[in-house]
Amino acid sequence: MCFPKDLKNIYFLKRLFLQLEAVKNLND
């Protein structure tokens, strides 16, 4: 089973988004 390239990009963006959310919470 091979994954589409988009799936990797979505996973990367999701992680990036979660990191940004964490930084926002720290800054509050």
N, C-alpha and C. Protein backbone atom coordinates (compact mmCIF):
# COMPACT_ATOMS: atom_id res chain seq x y z
N MET A 1 0.86 -1.20 0.00
CA MET A 1 0.00 0.00 0.00
C MET A 1 0.89 1.25 0.00
N CYS A 2 0.72 2.08 -1.00
CA CYS A 2 1.54 3.29 -1.06
C CYS A 2 0.69 4.52 -0.74
N PHE A 3 1.27 5.42 0.00
CA PHE A 3 0.54 6.62 0.40
C PHE A 3 0.70 7.71 -0.65
N PRO A 4 -0.33 8.48 -0.88
CA PRO A 4 -0.21 9.63 -1.77
C PRO A 4 0.68 10.69 -1.12
N LYS A 5 1.33 11.47 -1.93
CA LYS A 5 2.23 12.50 -1.39
C LYS A 5 1.46 13.52 -0.55
N ASP A 6 0.21 13.76 -0.93
CA ASP A 6 -0.59 14.74 -0.19
C ASP A 6 -0.73 14.38 1.28
N LEU A 7 -0.82 13.06 1.54
CA LEU A 7 -1.01 12.63 2.92
C LEU A 7 0.15 13.08 3.79
N LYS A 8 1.35 12.99 3.24
CA LYS A 8 2.53 13.42 3.99
C LYS A 8 2.47 14.92 4.24
N ASN A 9 2.04 15.68 3.21
CA ASN A 9 1.95 17.13 3.36
C ASN A 9 0.92 17.50 4.42
N ILE A 10 -0.21 16.79 4.42
CA ILE A 10 -1.26 17.07 5.40
C ILE A 10 -0.73 16.80 6.81
N TYR A 11 -0.02 15.68 6.96
CA TYR A 11 0.53 15.33 8.26
C TYR A 11 1.52 16.41 8.73
N PHE A 12 2.35 16.88 7.81
CA PHE A 12 3.34 17.91 8.13
C PHE A 12 2.65 19.21 8.55
N LEU A 13 1.62 19.61 7.78
CA LEU A 13 0.90 20.83 8.10
C LEU A 13 0.19 20.72 9.44
N LYS A 14 -0.35 19.53 9.70
CA LYS A 14 -1.05 19.30 10.97
C LYS A 14 -0.09 19.49 12.13
N ARG A 15 1.11 18.92 12.00
CA ARG A 15 2.10 19.04 13.08
C ARG A 15 2.51 20.49 13.26
N LEU A 16 2.70 21.19 12.14
CA LEU A 16 3.08 22.60 12.19
C LEU A 16 2.00 23.40 12.91
N PHE A 17 0.74 23.12 12.56
CA PHE A 17 -0.39 23.81 13.18
C PHE A 17 -0.43 23.55 14.68
N LEU A 18 -0.23 22.31 15.07
CA LEU A 18 -0.25 21.97 16.49
C LEU A 18 0.88 22.69 17.23
N GLN A 19 2.03 22.82 16.60
CA GLN A 19 3.14 23.53 17.23
C GLN A 19 2.80 25.01 17.41
N LEU A 20 2.16 25.59 16.39
CA LEU A 20 1.77 27.00 16.49
C LEU A 20 0.76 27.20 17.61
N GLU A 21 -0.19 26.28 17.74
CA GLU A 21 -1.18 26.36 18.81
C GLU A 21 -0.49 26.29 20.17
N ALA A 22 0.48 25.41 20.31
CA ALA A 22 1.19 25.25 21.57
C ALA A 22 1.94 26.54 21.92
N VAL A 23 2.57 27.14 20.93
CA VAL A 23 3.30 28.40 21.16
C VAL A 23 2.33 29.50 21.59
N LYS A 24 1.17 29.55 20.95
CA LYS A 24 0.17 30.55 21.30
C LYS A 24 -0.27 30.38 22.75
N ASN A 25 -0.45 29.13 23.17
CA ASN A 25 -0.87 28.87 24.55
C ASN A 25 0.21 29.29 25.54
N LEU A 26 1.47 29.09 25.18
CA LEU A 26 2.57 29.48 26.06
C LEU A 26 2.63 31.00 26.20
N ASN A 27 2.32 31.71 25.14
CA ASN A 27 2.42 33.17 25.16
C ASN A 27 1.29 33.84 25.92
N ASP A 28 0.20 33.13 26.16
CA ASP A 28 -0.93 33.73 26.88
C ASP A 28 -0.57 34.11 28.30
